[in-house]
Amino acid sequence: MSTANSTASTRRRVQGTAGLGRAAPLQPTRDQAQANLPPAAILARYKPGKADPMKVLEVLLGLFNSLHTSLDKTVSHKTRQERADFLRRFFRDLKSKAGFKTLPDPRNLGERHIRAMVKIWQAEKLAPATIQTYLSFLRGLAMWLGKPGFIHKPADYGLSTEEYQRHEYAQRDKSWSAQCVDIDAVIEQVCAYDRYVGASLRLIQAFGLRRKESVMIRPHRCVVPFEATGLSPDERRADHYVRIKEGSKGGRLRFVALDSAACMAALDYARAVAEGEDAHLGYPRHDLKRNLRRFDYVMEKFGITSSERGITAHGLRHEALIRRFGDETGGEAPPVRGGGPLPPDLDHAARQAVAEMAGHGRIRASGAYLGASPSRHTPATTDEGLAAASPHDATNAPPNTA
């Protein structure tokens, strides 16, 4: 399998600059009267101290929210929504939680505002990944305003390592089998209640799909011959592959081998459920948003939640990726299941295969499913280390690894 990397995704945006982003449904629509004006000219119409700060924020979102803060590309609708929701809430909280009597214009946001909100987050005991994400969103805002160094490292705001350090490696096995769940029985129950959601679960279990990918996949059109994948001959695992792009994170293309009877059975079931050669797997009369809500509703109805059974639909993705690790290592268990050290070359190759199957560009992302290698002495994750690996990871990813 392979992950397609576009040239555009490697071009970095010059720090302190930003281009005009195209308006999207999840951000304010652009005023056509100012569509041809540069951002500075548009913002100049809203005088600091006179214009409503929240109105200025909406203007900034309309101009820049579609843009990646460090790479020369746009971001997903999910990222746009999450970033816009956070920034609106951040400014509201300055008044309601931090106690500022006057709401600052976003262009006049100061150090004292940031420090006050970080103290609120500390008091609320937010997860390290959440704090990292929030600071990354604020860095994006600073970039839009031409202040790329405005947001500091977490430690500079008095955060301890435990408060902001992400756990990149799985601390426990989140698969269904690890929770002693009868996977086939539960999926059968779901299929009997809602065949569309049941078919999605089957595909997640077979191919390690994300929830959104499993809803948007077109079962009758997703299979391609090996020759169409662009993979090298030594990567060949099967004669046919499942092409995954719709619903993937960042639109990243990958191919997963159709290499077992279980995979073929899951695909056949999905094809029987999908209505039409070009149909996706969601309920045909519903849009994507409603299909995703339906998926979540069914999960709650059958207790497929962390609070009730200790499992989620995403746990089936863990199941598939852990299984892939075993296939690559001759049946060895990953560290998250108590597996011991492996030869470095074998461990690296297996983790690479897992990362590619999951649709991640970095091999270390496999650790979120497999755990850290027993032989690896991983230093404490620092903010500098995170930035060196990918300065925008926190902005483009939700708190939990997908």
Protein backbone atom coordinates (compact mmCIF):
# COMPACT_ATOMS: atom_id res chain seq x y z
CA MET A 1 0.00 0.00 0.00
CA SER A 2 1.12 3.50 -0.50
CA THR A 3 0.47 7.03 0.60
CA ALA A 4 0.52 9.59 -2.19
CA ASN A 5 2.40 12.76 -1.30
CA SER A 6 1.69 15.81 -3.37
CA THR A 7 4.39 18.33 -4.14
CA ALA A 8 2.25 21.11 -2.76
CA SER A 9 2.14 19.55 0.69
CA THR A 10 5.92 19.96 1.07
CA ARG A 11 6.06 23.64 0.20
CA ARG A 12 6.22 25.76 3.33
CA ARG A 13 4.48 29.08 3.65
CA VAL A 14 6.84 31.95 4.43
CA GLN A 15 6.49 32.74 8.13
CA GLY A 16 4.61 35.94 8.80
CA THR A 17 2.77 35.94 5.49
CA ALA A 18 -0.52 34.53 4.32
CA GLY A 19 -2.41 34.44 1.07
CA LEU A 20 -6.10 34.83 0.47
CA GLY A 21 -8.08 31.71 1.28
CA ARG A 22 -11.18 30.70 -0.60
CA ALA A 23 -14.34 30.94 1.43
CA ALA A 24 -15.88 27.67 2.55
CA PRO A 25 -19.25 26.68 4.01
CA LEU A 26 -17.63 26.27 7.43
CA GLN A 27 -16.30 29.84 7.56
CA PRO A 28 -17.83 33.28 6.93
CA THR A 29 -18.61 34.03 3.30
CA ARG A 30 -16.56 36.73 1.63
CA ASP A 31 -18.12 40.12 0.91
CA GLN A 32 -18.13 40.33 -2.90
CA ALA A 33 -17.55 44.09 -2.73
CA GLN A 34 -14.16 43.49 -1.14
CA ALA A 35 -13.30 40.24 -2.90
CA ASN A 36 -10.53 41.86 -4.96
CA LEU A 37 -8.99 43.84 -2.11
CA PRO A 38 -5.83 42.64 -0.32
CA PRO A 39 -6.28 41.49 3.29
CA ALA A 40 -4.61 44.62 4.73
CA ALA A 41 -7.04 46.89 2.88
CA ILE A 42 -10.03 44.88 4.06
CA LEU A 43 -8.88 44.93 7.69
CA ALA A 44 -8.14 48.65 7.50
CA ARG A 45 -11.88 49.23 7.18
CA TYR A 46 -12.30 47.98 10.76
CA LYS A 47 -10.58 50.43 13.09
CA PRO A 48 -9.15 48.93 16.31
CA GLY A 49 -11.06 50.25 19.30
CA LYS A 50 -14.11 51.10 17.21
CA ALA A 51 -14.98 47.93 15.34
CA ASP A 52 -16.62 45.03 17.18
CA PRO A 53 -13.77 42.61 18.04
CA MET A 54 -15.92 39.60 17.15
CA LYS A 55 -16.70 41.14 13.78
CA VAL A 56 -12.98 41.59 13.16
CA LEU A 57 -12.44 37.94 14.08
CA GLU A 58 -15.07 36.88 11.55
CA VAL A 59 -13.30 38.95 8.89
CA LEU A 60 -10.00 37.23 9.72
CA LEU A 61 -11.66 33.82 9.52
CA GLY A 62 -13.16 34.70 6.17
CA LEU A 63 -9.75 35.75 4.85
CA PHE A 64 -7.46 33.09 6.26
CA ASN A 65 -9.24 30.14 7.86
CA SER A 66 -8.98 27.92 4.79
CA LEU A 67 -5.17 28.16 4.82
CA HIS A 68 -2.60 25.87 6.35
CA THR A 69 -0.45 27.99 8.66
CA SER A 70 2.91 26.58 7.55
CA LEU A 71 2.40 24.79 4.23
CA ASP A 72 1.26 26.23 0.92
CA LYS A 73 -2.10 24.46 0.80
CA THR A 74 -5.61 24.60 2.21
CA VAL A 75 -6.81 22.63 5.24
CA SER A 76 -9.76 20.30 5.65
CA HIS A 77 -13.25 21.52 6.47
CA LYS A 78 -12.92 19.78 9.83
CA THR A 79 -9.84 21.82 10.72
CA ARG A 80 -11.52 25.03 9.58
CA GLN A 81 -14.54 24.30 11.75
CA GLU A 82 -12.50 23.37 14.82
CA ARG A 83 -10.19 26.37 14.46
CA ALA A 84 -13.09 28.80 13.98
CA ASP A 85 -15.03 27.33 16.91
CA PHE A 86 -11.99 27.58 19.18
CA LEU A 87 -11.12 31.18 18.28
CA ARG A 88 -14.69 32.37 18.80
CA ARG A 89 -14.82 30.58 22.14
CA PHE A 90 -11.38 31.90 23.13
CA PHE A 91 -12.47 35.52 22.77
CA ARG A 92 -15.75 34.90 24.58
CA ASP A 93 -13.86 33.21 27.42
CA LEU A 94 -11.54 36.18 27.83
CA LYS A 95 -14.55 37.98 29.23
CA SER A 96 -16.61 35.20 30.80
CA LYS A 97 -13.77 33.16 32.34
CA ALA A 98 -10.63 35.31 32.48
CA GLY A 99 -12.50 38.38 33.69
CA PHE A 100 -11.42 40.98 31.13
CA LYS A 101 -13.98 43.77 31.11
CA THR A 102 -13.18 44.84 27.57
CA LEU A 103 -12.84 42.35 24.73
CA PRO A 104 -9.62 43.07 22.82
CA ASP A 105 -9.52 43.53 19.08
CA PRO A 106 -7.78 40.40 17.72
CA ARG A 107 -5.06 42.66 16.32
CA ASN A 108 -4.40 43.97 19.84
CA LEU A 109 -4.31 40.58 21.53
CA GLY A 110 -1.56 40.74 24.14
CA GLU A 111 0.65 38.49 26.22
CA ARG A 112 -1.55 39.02 29.28
CA HIS A 113 -4.56 37.63 27.42
CA ILE A 114 -2.72 34.47 26.42
CA ARG A 115 -1.30 33.90 29.91
CA ALA A 116 -4.71 34.43 31.50
CA MET A 117 -6.32 31.80 29.27
CA VAL A 118 -3.48 29.32 29.77
CA LYS A 119 -4.10 29.57 33.53
CA ILE A 120 -7.77 28.80 32.87
CA TRP A 121 -6.78 25.71 30.87
CA GLN A 122 -4.48 24.61 33.69
CA ALA A 123 -7.28 25.00 36.22
CA GLU A 124 -9.63 23.02 33.98
CA LYS A 125 -6.95 20.31 33.65
CA LEU A 126 -7.22 20.09 29.89
CA ALA A 127 -5.40 17.22 28.19
CA PRO A 128 -1.86 17.96 26.93
CA ALA A 129 -2.91 17.32 23.33
CA THR A 130 -5.79 19.79 23.70
CA ILE A 131 -3.50 22.51 25.05
CA GLN A 132 -1.04 21.89 22.22
CA THR A 133 -3.87 22.18 19.71
CA TYR A 134 -5.19 25.41 21.25
CA LEU A 135 -1.74 27.02 21.20
CA SER A 136 -1.33 25.92 17.60
CA PHE A 137 -4.63 27.57 16.65
CA LEU A 138 -3.44 30.76 18.33
CA ARG A 139 -0.17 30.55 16.39
CA GLY A 140 -2.29 30.44 13.27
CA LEU A 141 -4.11 33.60 14.32
CA ALA A 142 -0.76 35.28 15.00
CA MET A 143 0.43 34.25 11.55
CA TRP A 144 -2.63 35.87 9.96
CA LEU A 145 -1.75 39.08 11.78
CA GLY A 146 1.91 39.00 10.74
CA LYS A 147 3.14 38.09 14.25
CA PRO A 148 4.70 34.64 13.78
CA GLY A 149 6.64 34.66 17.06
CA PHE A 150 3.83 35.92 19.24
CA ILE A 151 2.83 32.55 20.72
CA HIS A 152 5.64 30.99 22.76
CA LYS A 153 6.51 27.46 23.76
CA PRO A 154 4.17 25.90 26.37
CA ALA A 155 6.83 26.00 29.09
CA ASP A 156 7.08 29.78 28.72
CA TYR A 157 3.52 30.05 30.02
CA GLY A 158 4.29 28.12 33.18
CA LEU A 159 3.06 24.76 31.91
CA SER A 160 4.85 21.71 33.28
CA THR A 161 6.02 18.94 30.99
CA GLU A 162 3.17 16.73 32.21
CA GLU A 163 0.65 19.42 31.28
CA TYR A 164 1.68 19.83 27.66
CA GLN A 165 3.65 16.74 26.63
CA ARG A 166 1.75 14.57 24.18
CA HIS A 167 1.81 10.79 24.55
CA GLU A 168 2.70 9.76 21.02
CA TYR A 169 2.80 6.07 21.87
CA ALA A 170 -0.19 3.99 22.87
CA GLN A 171 -0.26 3.36 26.61
CA ARG A 172 -2.90 0.64 26.32
CA ASP A 173 -4.44 -1.63 23.70
CA LYS A 174 -7.64 0.04 22.44
CA SER A 175 -8.72 -2.81 20.19
CA TRP A 176 -12.00 -4.62 20.82
CA SER A 177 -10.36 -7.98 21.41
CA ALA A 178 -8.29 -6.47 24.21
CA GLN A 179 -11.57 -5.64 25.96
CA CYS A 180 -12.79 -9.25 25.48
CA VAL A 181 -15.55 -8.14 23.11
CA ASP A 182 -17.10 -10.69 20.76
CA ILE A 183 -16.44 -8.60 17.65
CA ASP A 184 -18.45 -10.60 15.15
CA ALA A 185 -21.47 -10.84 17.46
CA VAL A 186 -21.56 -7.09 18.11
CA ILE A 187 -21.17 -6.22 14.44
CA GLU A 188 -23.95 -8.66 13.53
CA GLN A 189 -26.25 -6.92 16.00
CA VAL A 190 -25.44 -3.56 14.46
CA CYS A 191 -25.99 -4.91 10.93
CA ALA A 192 -29.41 -6.20 11.93
CA TYR A 193 -30.35 -2.73 13.19
CA ASP A 194 -28.67 -0.57 10.52
CA ARG A 195 -27.02 -2.29 7.58
CA TYR A 196 -25.22 0.86 6.45
CA VAL A 197 -23.48 1.42 9.77
CA GLY A 198 -22.86 -2.31 10.11
CA ALA A 199 -21.19 -2.36 6.70
CA SER A 200 -18.98 0.54 7.76
CA LEU A 201 -17.88 -1.35 10.87
CA ARG A 202 -17.02 -4.39 8.76
CA LEU A 203 -14.82 -2.24 6.52
CA ILE A 204 -13.12 -0.57 9.48
CA GLN A 205 -12.32 -3.98 10.91
CA ALA A 206 -11.03 -5.33 7.58
CA PHE A 207 -9.10 -2.37 6.20
CA GLY A 208 -8.38 -0.13 9.17
CA LEU A 209 -10.50 2.74 7.84
CA ARG A 210 -11.41 5.88 9.71
CA ARG A 211 -15.10 6.45 10.43
CA LYS A 212 -15.48 9.10 7.74
CA GLU A 213 -13.64 6.98 5.17
CA SER A 214 -15.95 4.05 5.88
CA VAL A 215 -19.02 6.20 5.23
CA MET A 216 -17.73 7.91 2.09
CA ILE A 217 -16.22 4.87 0.38
CA ARG A 218 -17.87 3.73 -2.87
CA PRO A 219 -17.70 -0.08 -2.61
CA HIS A 220 -18.40 -0.76 -6.28
CA ARG A 221 -15.72 1.62 -7.54
CA CYS A 222 -12.94 1.45 -4.95
CA VAL A 223 -11.18 -1.71 -6.14
CA VAL A 224 -8.27 -1.34 -8.57
CA PRO A 225 -5.75 -3.81 -9.98
CA PHE A 226 -2.24 -3.77 -8.54
CA GLU A 227 -0.90 -2.28 -11.76
CA ALA A 228 -3.02 0.86 -11.20
CA THR A 229 -1.64 1.58 -7.72
CA GLY A 230 1.79 2.81 -8.77
CA LEU A 231 3.41 0.57 -6.16
CA SER A 232 6.73 -1.07 -6.90
CA PRO A 233 6.74 -4.83 -7.67
CA ASP A 234 8.41 -5.69 -4.35
CA GLU A 235 5.48 -4.06 -2.50
CA ARG A 236 2.91 -6.32 -4.12
CA ARG A 237 0.70 -8.13 -1.60
CA ALA A 238 -2.35 -8.91 -3.73
CA ASP A 239 -3.72 -8.71 -7.25
CA HIS A 240 -6.30 -6.09 -6.26
CA TYR A 241 -6.30 -3.15 -3.86
CA VAL A 242 -8.87 -0.90 -2.25
CA ARG A 243 -8.35 2.73 -3.17
CA ILE A 244 -8.97 5.10 -0.24
CA LYS A 245 -9.13 8.84 -0.71
CA GLU A 246 -12.62 10.19 0.02
CA GLY A 247 -12.86 11.10 3.68
CA SER A 248 -9.15 10.56 4.32
CA LYS A 249 -7.20 12.99 6.44
CA GLY A 250 -5.90 15.76 4.21
CA GLY A 251 -7.26 13.91 1.15
CA ARG A 252 -4.20 11.66 1.24
CA LEU A 253 -4.50 8.75 -1.20
CA ARG A 254 -3.55 5.24 -0.16
CA PHE A 255 -4.10 1.66 -1.30
CA VAL A 256 -4.83 -1.29 0.99
CA ALA A 257 -4.34 -4.84 -0.26
CA LEU A 258 -7.42 -6.99 -0.80
CA ASP A 259 -5.46 -9.98 0.46
CA SER A 260 -7.77 -12.13 2.60
CA ALA A 261 -11.13 -13.82 2.57
CA ALA A 262 -12.21 -11.60 5.49
CA CYS A 263 -11.40 -8.46 3.50
CA MET A 264 -13.29 -9.77 0.48
CA ALA A 265 -16.30 -10.70 2.62
CA ALA A 266 -16.42 -7.21 4.17
CA LEU A 267 -16.28 -5.62 0.73
CA ASP A 268 -18.94 -7.94 -0.69
CA TYR A 269 -21.27 -7.07 2.17
CA ALA A 270 -20.68 -3.35 1.59
CA ARG A 271 -21.45 -3.79 -2.11
CA ALA A 272 -24.69 -5.56 -1.29
CA VAL A 273 -25.68 -2.67 0.98
CA ALA A 274 -24.65 0.24 -1.25
CA GLU A 275 -27.48 1.24 -3.56
CA GLY A 276 -26.03 1.73 -7.01
CA GLU A 277 -22.70 1.39 -8.77
CA ASP A 278 -21.65 4.92 -7.81
CA ALA A 279 -23.16 4.95 -4.31
CA HIS A 280 -21.22 5.64 -1.15
CA LEU A 281 -21.88 3.53 1.93
CA GLY A 282 -23.97 6.05 3.83
CA TYR A 283 -27.75 6.16 3.69
CA PRO A 284 -28.36 7.50 0.15
CA ARG A 285 -31.01 10.08 1.10
CA HIS A 286 -28.83 11.65 3.78
CA ASP A 287 -25.90 14.02 3.38
CA LEU A 288 -22.49 13.28 4.91
CA LYS A 289 -23.11 15.23 8.11
CA ARG A 290 -26.33 13.37 8.81
CA ASN A 291 -24.77 9.99 7.99
CA LEU A 292 -21.93 10.66 10.43
CA ARG A 293 -24.44 11.64 13.12
CA ARG A 294 -26.36 8.44 12.42
CA PHE A 295 -23.15 6.44 12.78
CA ASP A 296 -22.47 8.03 16.17
CA TYR A 297 -26.05 7.46 17.28
CA VAL A 298 -25.85 3.75 16.47
CA MET A 299 -22.54 3.46 18.35
CA GLU A 300 -24.16 4.93 21.45
CA LYS A 301 -27.26 2.75 21.08
CA PHE A 302 -25.15 -0.41 21.14
CA GLY A 303 -22.84 0.77 23.90
CA ILE A 304 -19.84 1.12 21.60
CA THR A 305 -18.43 3.94 23.71
CA SER A 306 -15.50 4.35 26.07
CA SER A 307 -17.81 4.97 29.01
CA GLU A 308 -20.05 1.92 28.53
CA ARG A 309 -17.96 -0.92 27.08
CA GLY A 310 -14.54 0.66 26.99
CA ILE A 311 -14.50 0.49 23.18
CA THR A 312 -15.17 2.79 20.25
CA ALA A 313 -15.55 2.25 16.51
CA HIS A 314 -11.99 3.51 16.20
CA GLY A 315 -10.92 0.49 18.22
CA LEU A 316 -11.65 -1.65 15.16
CA ARG A 317 -9.06 0.42 13.30
CA HIS A 318 -6.60 -0.43 16.06
CA GLU A 319 -7.62 -4.07 15.64
CA ALA A 320 -6.79 -4.03 11.92
CA LEU A 321 -3.46 -2.22 12.34
CA ILE A 322 -2.29 -4.48 15.15
CA ARG A 323 -3.22 -7.45 12.97
CA ARG A 324 -1.13 -5.98 10.16
CA PHE A 325 1.86 -5.69 12.49
CA GLY A 326 1.50 -9.38 13.27
CA ASP A 327 1.33 -10.24 9.58
CA GLU A 328 4.54 -8.32 8.91
CA THR A 329 6.46 -9.84 11.83
CA GLY A 330 5.39 -13.47 11.54
CA GLY A 331 2.86 -13.31 14.34
CA GLU A 332 4.76 -11.21 16.87
CA ALA A 333 2.72 -9.05 19.24
CA PRO A 334 3.32 -5.29 19.31
CA PRO A 335 4.57 -3.61 22.51
CA VAL A 336 1.06 -2.47 23.43
CA ARG A 337 0.17 -6.16 23.77
CA GLY A 338 3.31 -7.01 25.70
CA GLY A 339 5.48 -7.96 22.74
CA GLY A 340 9.23 -8.00 23.24
CA PRO A 341 12.07 -6.43 21.27
CA LEU A 342 12.38 -7.27 17.57
CA PRO A 343 15.30 -6.91 15.18
CA PRO A 344 15.43 -3.19 14.28
CA ASP A 345 14.99 -3.78 10.56
CA LEU A 346 11.95 -6.00 11.08
CA ASP A 347 10.37 -3.60 13.58
CA HIS A 348 10.95 -0.63 11.27
CA ALA A 349 9.49 -2.40 8.23
CA ALA A 350 6.42 -3.54 10.17
CA ARG A 351 5.80 -0.05 11.57
CA GLN A 352 6.20 1.45 8.13
CA ALA A 353 3.58 -0.95 6.77
CA VAL A 354 1.20 -0.06 9.59
CA ALA A 355 1.69 3.69 9.07
CA GLU A 356 0.99 3.33 5.35
CA MET A 357 -2.11 1.19 5.91
CA ALA A 358 -3.37 3.81 8.38
CA GLY A 359 -2.78 6.65 5.91
CA HIS A 360 -0.12 8.42 7.96
CA GLY A 361 2.90 10.05 6.37
CA ARG A 362 5.19 9.52 9.37
CA ILE A 363 6.32 6.11 10.58
CA ARG A 364 6.23 7.24 14.20
CA ALA A 365 2.44 7.63 13.91
CA SER A 366 2.26 3.81 14.08
CA GLY A 367 3.22 4.09 17.74
CA ALA A 368 -0.24 5.44 18.52
CA TYR A 369 -1.56 1.95 17.74
CA LEU A 370 1.41 -0.30 18.54
CA GLY A 371 3.15 1.40 21.45
CA ALA A 372 6.86 2.25 21.65
CA SER A 373 9.48 -0.31 20.74
CA PRO A 374 10.81 -1.94 23.96
CA SER A 375 14.38 -1.33 22.79
CA ARG A 376 13.70 2.32 22.14
CA HIS A 377 14.61 4.82 24.86
CA THR A 378 12.37 7.65 23.83
CA PRO A 379 13.33 11.03 25.35
CA ALA A 380 10.64 13.23 26.81
CA THR A 381 8.79 14.91 24.01
CA THR A 382 9.69 18.59 23.91
CA ASP A 383 7.94 21.40 22.19
CA GLU A 384 11.05 21.90 20.07
CA GLY A 385 10.96 18.24 19.08
CA LEU A 386 7.33 18.45 18.04
CA ALA A 387 8.02 21.56 16.01
CA ALA A 388 11.01 20.00 14.30
CA ALA A 389 9.00 16.95 13.27
CA SER A 390 6.00 18.82 11.99
CA PRO A 391 5.28 22.40 13.05
CA HIS A 392 1.63 22.07 12.11
CA ASP A 393 0.78 18.63 13.49
CA ALA A 394 -1.28 20.08 16.32
CA THR A 395 -3.28 22.34 14.06
CA ASN A 396 -4.23 19.73 11.53
CA ALA A 397 -4.93 16.92 13.91
CA PRO A 398 -7.53 16.51 16.61
CA PRO A 399 -6.43 15.70 20.14
CA ASN A 400 -6.77 11.96 19.55
CA THR A 401 -4.79 10.21 16.85
CA ALA A 402 -7.07 9.16 14.02
